[in-house]
């Protein structure tokens, strides 16, 4: 009898031990610890380093989070998200992409609608950058750029695209979308009236306007004095000025076209709470100001007070902000291939 009782007690002890072990494995403390890991999809290079310097280390790591950066280009990461969309859990919790990519991913059903009630900084996001498909972290605008030593520099997109400049005007190949939108505005149309701007662009090209493959090549040509006028993101001109390149800029009378870089949340992210924690962190005034100093981009919140001298370099006046001509991402998504074909086969030919 004693042996049977001991055997039964032994089994009960084993079962109790197993239950206790299960309780430990399911412990809320351990689950919360696991949820402190955030996997971020982002570009590498300087941007990835600045995210770590200005957001991850001072804000998230200080709060106990561990951030892992999954670095790749925007197209590659979007393709990976599309491939993972049917999986119960994807490989990232949050993604850094440009504005049009945020919109595209949402339209494809890959990313979450942002629940702003989960963000303590939500009320400070500027209305232009508070999207249901994502949140803009930083922004700049496509502006008129020119050699500061020239007399009577252009003040509008229409003046920039005037054939009178000949080979003293330059385009950037990878900016074909925004250049066509700028030409539409120059021709008196809206951001979707791109065909209205085609005659102006063709006349400029036929007059000898140059085409550089990348932003960096454009900067090299500008520094070498190969041309005098063009269009470019204001933030880039600030970076070039800091490197000693002679360049000035002005918001065009038609309205600058904002470029935004932002973040969105995959529907199948493993750690949705961690994704929201990252969103809140990037909206902190300290993080926003750090990127203004380091990259020359403007804050997307109303409580990050940029110093007057820096704002004079990177910012826009209240009137210029009100005059921003935001691109229609739906139009771009639907017409991008058509715009690229025109650019390659008609404009560049």
Protein backbone atom coordinates (compact mmCIF):
# COMPACT_ATOMS: atom_id res chain seq x y z
CA UNK A 1 0.00 0.00 0.00
CA UNK A 2 2.77 2.37 0.92
CA UNK A 3 4.47 1.80 -2.36
CA UNK A 4 1.27 2.49 -4.28
CA UNK A 5 0.65 5.68 -2.35
CA UNK A 6 4.23 6.79 -2.98
CA UNK A 7 3.88 5.95 -6.65
CA UNK A 8 0.69 7.97 -6.88
CA UNK A 9 2.32 10.82 -5.04
CA UNK A 10 5.23 10.60 -7.41
CA UNK A 11 2.96 10.92 -10.41
CA UNK A 12 1.17 13.85 -8.84
CA UNK A 13 4.47 15.52 -8.14
CA UNK A 14 5.57 14.97 -11.72
CA UNK A 15 2.30 16.40 -13.03
CA UNK A 16 2.57 19.31 -10.63
CA UNK A 17 6.10 19.88 -11.75
CA UNK A 18 5.04 19.84 -15.40
CA UNK A 19 2.24 22.29 -14.66
CA UNK A 20 4.63 24.54 -12.82
CA UNK A 21 7.05 24.34 -15.73
CA UNK A 22 4.25 25.27 -18.13
CA UNK A 23 3.34 28.18 -15.91
CA UNK A 24 6.90 29.39 -16.04
CA UNK A 25 7.01 29.06 -19.82
CA UNK A 26 3.77 31.03 -20.10
CA UNK A 27 4.81 33.56 -17.46
CA UNK A 28 3.65 37.09 -18.37
CA UNK A 29 7.07 38.33 -17.31
CA UNK A 30 8.82 36.11 -19.83
CA UNK A 31 6.31 36.92 -22.55
CA UNK A 32 6.84 40.61 -21.96
CA UNK A 33 10.57 40.06 -22.14
CA UNK A 34 10.19 38.32 -25.49
CA UNK A 35 8.01 41.22 -26.71
CA UNK A 36 10.87 43.62 -26.07
CA UNK A 37 12.49 42.57 -29.35
CA UNK A 38 11.52 44.69 -32.38
CA UNK A 39 12.57 43.74 -35.91
CA UNK A 40 12.77 46.79 -38.17
CA UNK A 41 13.00 46.65 -41.94
CA UNK A 42 15.00 49.63 -43.18
CA UNK A 43 17.65 50.98 -45.50
CA UNK A 44 21.21 50.53 -44.36
CA UNK A 45 24.01 53.07 -44.55
CA UNK A 46 23.83 56.42 -42.81
CA UNK A 47 20.07 56.25 -42.33
CA UNK A 48 20.22 52.97 -40.44
CA UNK A 49 23.01 54.37 -38.27
CA UNK A 50 21.01 57.51 -37.51
CA UNK A 51 17.95 55.48 -36.54
CA UNK A 52 20.12 53.64 -34.06
CA UNK A 53 21.76 56.82 -32.79
CA UNK A 54 18.68 59.03 -32.51
CA UNK A 55 15.80 56.63 -31.80
CA UNK A 56 16.83 53.13 -30.84
CA UNK A 57 19.61 53.70 -28.32
CA UNK A 58 18.36 56.80 -26.47
CA UNK A 59 14.64 55.94 -26.41
CA UNK A 60 13.87 52.28 -27.10
CA UNK A 61 16.94 50.58 -25.64
CA UNK A 62 16.65 52.86 -22.62
CA UNK A 63 13.13 51.45 -22.17
CA UNK A 64 14.39 47.87 -22.36
CA UNK A 65 13.74 47.12 -26.03
CA UNK A 66 16.15 45.37 -28.37
CA UNK A 67 15.94 46.50 -32.01
CA UNK A 68 17.20 44.33 -34.85
CA UNK A 69 17.57 46.07 -38.22
CA UNK A 70 16.76 44.00 -41.30
CA UNK A 71 18.53 46.13 -43.91
CA UNK A 72 17.76 46.13 -47.63
CA UNK A 73 16.48 48.43 -50.34
CA UNK A 74 12.86 49.59 -50.43
CA UNK A 75 11.85 47.41 -53.46
CA UNK A 76 13.52 44.31 -52.04
CA UNK A 77 11.81 44.68 -48.69
CA UNK A 78 8.41 45.28 -50.27
CA UNK A 79 8.85 42.13 -52.35
CA UNK A 80 9.76 40.17 -49.24
CA UNK A 81 6.69 41.46 -47.39
CA UNK A 82 4.48 40.45 -50.30
CA UNK A 83 6.02 36.97 -50.31
CA UNK A 84 5.39 36.63 -46.55
CA UNK A 85 1.86 38.01 -46.54
CA UNK A 86 0.19 34.56 -46.27
CA UNK A 87 2.37 33.48 -43.35
CA UNK A 88 0.92 33.65 -39.81
CA UNK A 89 3.94 35.70 -38.80
CA UNK A 90 6.26 37.73 -40.99
CA UNK A 91 9.91 38.48 -40.37
CA UNK A 92 9.53 42.16 -39.40
CA UNK A 93 7.42 44.17 -36.96
CA UNK A 94 7.77 47.59 -38.60
CA UNK A 95 9.05 48.88 -41.93
CA UNK A 96 10.71 52.16 -42.97
CA UNK A 97 9.71 53.12 -46.52
CA UNK A 98 8.94 56.23 -48.56
CA UNK A 99 5.46 57.73 -48.79
CA UNK A 100 4.35 56.08 -52.00
CA UNK A 101 5.55 52.68 -50.79
CA UNK A 102 3.60 53.08 -47.55
CA UNK A 103 0.49 53.72 -49.61
CA UNK A 104 1.17 50.83 -51.99
CA UNK A 105 1.71 48.29 -49.20
CA UNK A 106 -1.54 49.35 -47.54
CA UNK A 107 -3.51 49.11 -50.77
CA UNK A 108 -2.15 45.60 -51.24
CA UNK A 109 -3.49 44.62 -47.83
CA UNK A 110 -0.03 43.93 -46.43
CA UNK A 111 0.06 46.57 -43.68
CA UNK A 112 -2.16 47.63 -40.79
CA UNK A 113 -4.36 50.69 -40.50
CA UNK A 114 -2.64 52.86 -37.89
CA UNK A 115 -4.51 53.07 -34.58
CA UNK A 116 -3.55 56.52 -33.35
CA UNK A 117 -5.16 55.87 -29.97
CA UNK A 118 -2.13 53.68 -29.21
CA UNK A 119 0.31 56.56 -29.67
CA UNK A 120 0.84 59.14 -26.94
CA UNK A 121 2.42 61.48 -29.50
CA UNK A 122 -0.43 61.17 -32.01
CA UNK A 123 -1.93 64.60 -31.32
CA UNK A 124 1.32 66.30 -32.35
CA UNK A 125 1.57 64.77 -35.85
CA UNK A 126 0.99 67.39 -38.55
CA UNK A 127 -2.23 66.62 -40.47
CA UNK A 128 -0.41 66.34 -43.83
CA UNK A 129 1.62 63.41 -42.52
CA UNK A 130 -0.93 61.57 -40.36
CA UNK A 131 -2.01 58.79 -42.70
CA UNK A 132 -4.10 55.72 -41.99
CA UNK A 133 -1.53 53.66 -43.88
CA UNK A 134 1.55 54.89 -42.02
CA UNK A 135 3.24 57.82 -40.34
CA UNK A 136 5.75 60.14 -41.95
CA UNK A 137 8.88 60.48 -39.85
CA UNK A 138 10.64 63.26 -41.74
CA UNK A 139 9.92 65.35 -44.80
CA UNK A 140 11.46 67.77 -47.21
CA UNK A 141 10.22 69.25 -50.46
CA UNK A 142 11.16 69.34 -54.13
CA UNK A 143 12.37 72.89 -54.67
CA UNK A 144 14.17 75.05 -57.20
CA UNK A 145 17.97 74.81 -56.86
CA UNK A 146 20.52 77.08 -58.47
CA UNK A 147 24.04 78.48 -58.41
CA UNK A 148 23.95 81.24 -55.78
CA UNK A 149 26.31 83.38 -57.86
CA UNK A 150 23.94 83.70 -60.82
CA UNK A 151 21.84 86.78 -61.46
CA UNK A 152 18.05 86.51 -61.54
CA UNK A 153 17.80 82.85 -60.51
CA UNK A 154 14.52 81.01 -61.17
CA UNK A 155 11.80 81.17 -58.54
CA UNK A 156 9.33 78.69 -60.02
CA UNK A 157 9.23 75.31 -61.69
CA UNK A 158 8.08 77.03 -64.87
CA UNK A 159 11.24 79.15 -64.91
CA UNK A 160 13.45 76.13 -64.26
CA UNK A 161 12.00 74.22 -67.21
CA UNK A 162 12.37 77.19 -69.56
CA UNK A 163 14.41 76.13 -72.64
CA UNK A 164 16.45 79.34 -72.35
CA UNK A 165 18.82 77.62 -69.93
CA UNK A 166 20.06 75.16 -72.57
CA UNK A 167 22.68 72.86 -71.09
CA UNK A 168 22.80 74.95 -67.92
CA UNK A 169 19.76 73.06 -66.66
CA UNK A 170 19.88 69.46 -65.39
CA UNK A 171 17.49 66.63 -64.53
CA UNK A 172 17.91 63.55 -62.33
CA UNK A 173 16.96 60.25 -63.95
CA UNK A 174 15.73 58.49 -60.81
CA UNK A 175 13.40 61.41 -60.05
CA UNK A 176 11.30 60.97 -63.17
CA UNK A 177 8.05 60.75 -61.20
CA UNK A 178 8.42 63.93 -59.18
CA UNK A 179 9.91 65.83 -62.12
CA UNK A 180 6.81 65.09 -64.17
CA UNK A 181 4.59 66.22 -61.31
CA UNK A 182 6.61 69.45 -61.04
CA UNK A 183 6.18 70.04 -64.78
CA UNK A 184 2.43 69.48 -64.44
CA UNK A 185 2.31 72.23 -61.81
CA UNK A 186 4.52 74.46 -63.96
CA UNK A 187 2.04 74.07 -66.81
CA UNK A 188 -0.81 75.18 -64.57
CA UNK A 189 -2.18 71.72 -63.86
CA UNK A 190 -2.59 69.60 -60.76
CA UNK A 191 -0.29 66.88 -59.44
CA UNK A 192 -2.07 64.35 -61.66
CA UNK A 193 -2.00 66.38 -64.90
CA UNK A 194 1.44 65.10 -65.88
CA UNK A 195 0.78 65.13 -69.63
CA UNK A 196 0.28 68.90 -69.48
CA UNK A 197 3.93 69.27 -68.56
CA UNK A 198 5.34 67.06 -71.31
CA UNK A 199 5.74 69.77 -73.99
CA UNK A 200 7.68 71.92 -71.51
CA UNK A 201 9.98 69.07 -70.53
CA UNK A 202 10.62 68.06 -74.13
CA UNK A 203 11.43 71.65 -75.14
CA UNK A 204 13.92 71.89 -72.29
CA UNK A 205 15.55 68.60 -73.23
CA UNK A 206 15.76 69.56 -76.91
CA UNK A 207 17.47 72.79 -75.87
CA UNK A 208 20.30 70.76 -74.31
CA UNK A 209 19.26 70.09 -70.71
CA UNK A 210 21.43 67.44 -69.07
CA UNK A 211 20.35 64.23 -67.36
CA UNK A 212 22.30 62.79 -64.42
CA UNK A 213 21.60 59.23 -63.26
CA UNK A 214 21.48 59.84 -59.50
CA UNK A 215 21.27 62.55 -56.85
CA UNK A 216 24.96 62.08 -56.14
CA UNK A 217 25.93 62.51 -59.80
CA UNK A 218 23.78 65.63 -59.94
CA UNK A 219 25.68 67.04 -56.94
CA UNK A 220 29.02 66.30 -58.58
CA UNK A 221 27.95 68.07 -61.75
CA UNK A 222 26.75 71.05 -59.75
CA UNK A 223 30.02 71.21 -57.81
CA UNK A 224 31.98 71.06 -61.09
CA UNK A 225 30.00 73.96 -62.55
CA UNK A 226 28.53 71.86 -65.36
CA UNK A 227 25.09 73.46 -64.96
CA UNK A 228 23.36 76.13 -62.89
CA UNK A 229 19.68 75.26 -62.32
CA UNK A 230 17.49 72.25 -61.55
CA UNK A 231 15.08 70.78 -59.00
CA UNK A 232 16.01 68.80 -55.91
CA UNK A 233 14.97 67.99 -52.35
CA UNK A 234 15.75 70.92 -50.09
CA UNK A 235 17.26 68.58 -47.49
CA UNK A 236 19.82 67.42 -50.04
CA UNK A 237 20.86 70.98 -50.80
CA UNK A 238 21.48 71.53 -47.10
CA UNK A 239 23.72 68.46 -46.99
CA UNK A 240 25.59 69.72 -50.05
CA UNK A 241 26.00 73.17 -48.55
CA UNK A 242 27.52 71.55 -45.46
CA UNK A 243 30.02 69.84 -47.78
CA UNK A 244 31.03 73.15 -49.33
CA UNK A 245 29.09 72.91 -52.62
CA UNK A 246 27.82 76.28 -53.84
CA UNK A 247 24.06 75.80 -54.11
CA UNK A 248 20.97 77.73 -53.07
CA UNK A 249 17.30 76.85 -53.14
CA UNK A 250 13.87 78.44 -53.05
CA UNK A 251 10.37 77.05 -52.67
CA UNK A 252 8.74 77.35 -56.10
CA UNK A 253 5.77 79.66 -56.46
CA UNK A 254 3.67 76.71 -57.64
CA UNK A 255 4.31 74.98 -54.31
CA UNK A 256 7.01 72.58 -53.18
CA UNK A 257 6.24 68.87 -53.57
CA UNK A 258 6.80 67.10 -50.26
CA UNK A 259 8.85 63.94 -50.00
CA UNK A 260 8.22 61.91 -46.89
CA UNK A 261 9.99 58.97 -45.37
CA UNK A 262 7.88 57.04 -42.92
CA UNK A 263 6.97 53.82 -41.18
CA UNK A 264 4.21 51.24 -41.49
CA UNK A 265 3.21 48.05 -39.65
CA UNK A 266 3.00 44.64 -41.36
CA UNK A 267 -0.28 42.89 -40.52
CA UNK A 268 1.55 39.69 -39.60
CA UNK A 269 4.27 41.25 -37.49
CA UNK A 270 5.24 39.18 -34.44
CA UNK A 271 5.32 42.16 -32.09
CA UNK A 272 2.63 44.72 -32.94
CA UNK A 273 3.03 46.44 -29.58
CA UNK A 274 6.73 46.79 -30.29
CA UNK A 275 5.92 48.31 -33.67
CA UNK A 276 3.75 50.93 -31.99
CA UNK A 277 6.49 51.59 -29.45
CA UNK A 278 8.85 52.34 -32.35
CA UNK A 279 6.28 54.65 -33.97
CA UNK A 280 5.89 56.57 -30.73
CA UNK A 281 9.65 56.81 -30.28
CA UNK A 282 10.28 58.27 -33.73
CA UNK A 283 7.69 60.98 -33.01
CA UNK A 284 9.46 62.13 -29.86
CA UNK A 285 10.64 65.75 -30.22
CA UNK A 286 14.22 64.75 -29.35
CA UNK A 287 14.33 62.21 -32.19
CA UNK A 288 12.71 64.60 -34.64
CA UNK A 289 15.17 67.38 -33.82
CA UNK A 290 18.12 65.01 -34.06
CA UNK A 291 17.17 64.11 -37.64
CA UNK A 292 16.72 67.78 -38.48
CA UNK A 293 20.30 68.40 -37.36
CA UNK A 294 21.79 65.25 -38.88
CA UNK A 295 19.94 65.00 -42.20
CA UNK A 296 18.38 68.40 -42.89
CA UNK A 297 14.84 67.01 -42.97
CA UNK A 298 11.90 68.70 -41.29
CA UNK A 299 9.98 67.33 -38.28
CA UNK A 300 6.48 65.97 -38.86
CA UNK A 301 5.30 66.95 -35.38
CA UNK A 302 4.32 70.37 -34.05
CA UNK A 303 6.20 70.18 -30.75
CA UNK A 304 9.76 69.85 -32.06
CA UNK A 305 11.08 73.41 -32.06
CA UNK A 306 13.83 73.65 -34.64
CA UNK A 307 16.38 76.41 -33.84
CA UNK A 308 15.84 79.51 -35.94
CA UNK A 309 19.18 79.30 -37.74
CA UNK A 310 18.64 75.65 -38.69
CA UNK A 311 15.03 76.24 -39.68
CA UNK A 312 16.18 79.00 -42.03
CA UNK A 313 18.27 76.38 -43.83
CA UNK A 314 15.97 73.37 -43.89
CA UNK A 315 12.48 74.64 -43.22
CA UNK A 316 9.53 76.19 -44.95
CA UNK A 317 7.52 79.23 -43.90
CA UNK A 318 3.92 78.84 -42.76
CA UNK A 319 2.82 80.08 -46.18
CA UNK A 320 5.09 77.58 -47.96
CA UNK A 321 3.79 74.72 -45.81
CA UNK A 322 0.23 75.72 -46.63
CA UNK A 323 1.20 75.76 -50.33
CA UNK A 324 2.74 72.27 -50.38
CA UNK A 325 1.44 70.18 -53.27
CA UNK A 326 1.30 66.64 -51.95
CA UNK A 327 1.60 63.90 -54.60
CA UNK A 328 -1.38 61.65 -55.25
CA UNK A 329 0.03 58.24 -54.33
CA UNK A 330 -2.93 56.45 -55.86
CA UNK A 331 -2.24 58.14 -59.18
CA UNK A 332 1.47 57.31 -58.98
CA UNK A 333 0.75 53.67 -58.16
CA UNK A 334 -1.60 53.37 -61.12
CA UNK A 335 0.52 55.33 -63.62
CA UNK A 336 4.14 54.77 -62.62
CA UNK A 337 4.97 52.35 -65.44
CA UNK A 338 3.36 54.67 -67.97
CA UNK A 339 5.32 57.65 -66.64
CA UNK A 340 8.54 55.64 -66.70
CA UNK A 341 7.93 54.54 -70.29
CA UNK A 342 7.37 58.13 -71.42
CA UNK A 343 10.49 59.26 -69.62
CA UNK A 344 12.68 56.53 -71.10
CA UNK A 345 11.30 56.40 -74.63
CA UNK A 346 10.32 60.01 -75.27
CA UNK A 347 12.18 62.30 -72.90
CA UNK A 348 15.55 60.56 -72.72
CA UNK A 349 15.60 59.40 -76.34
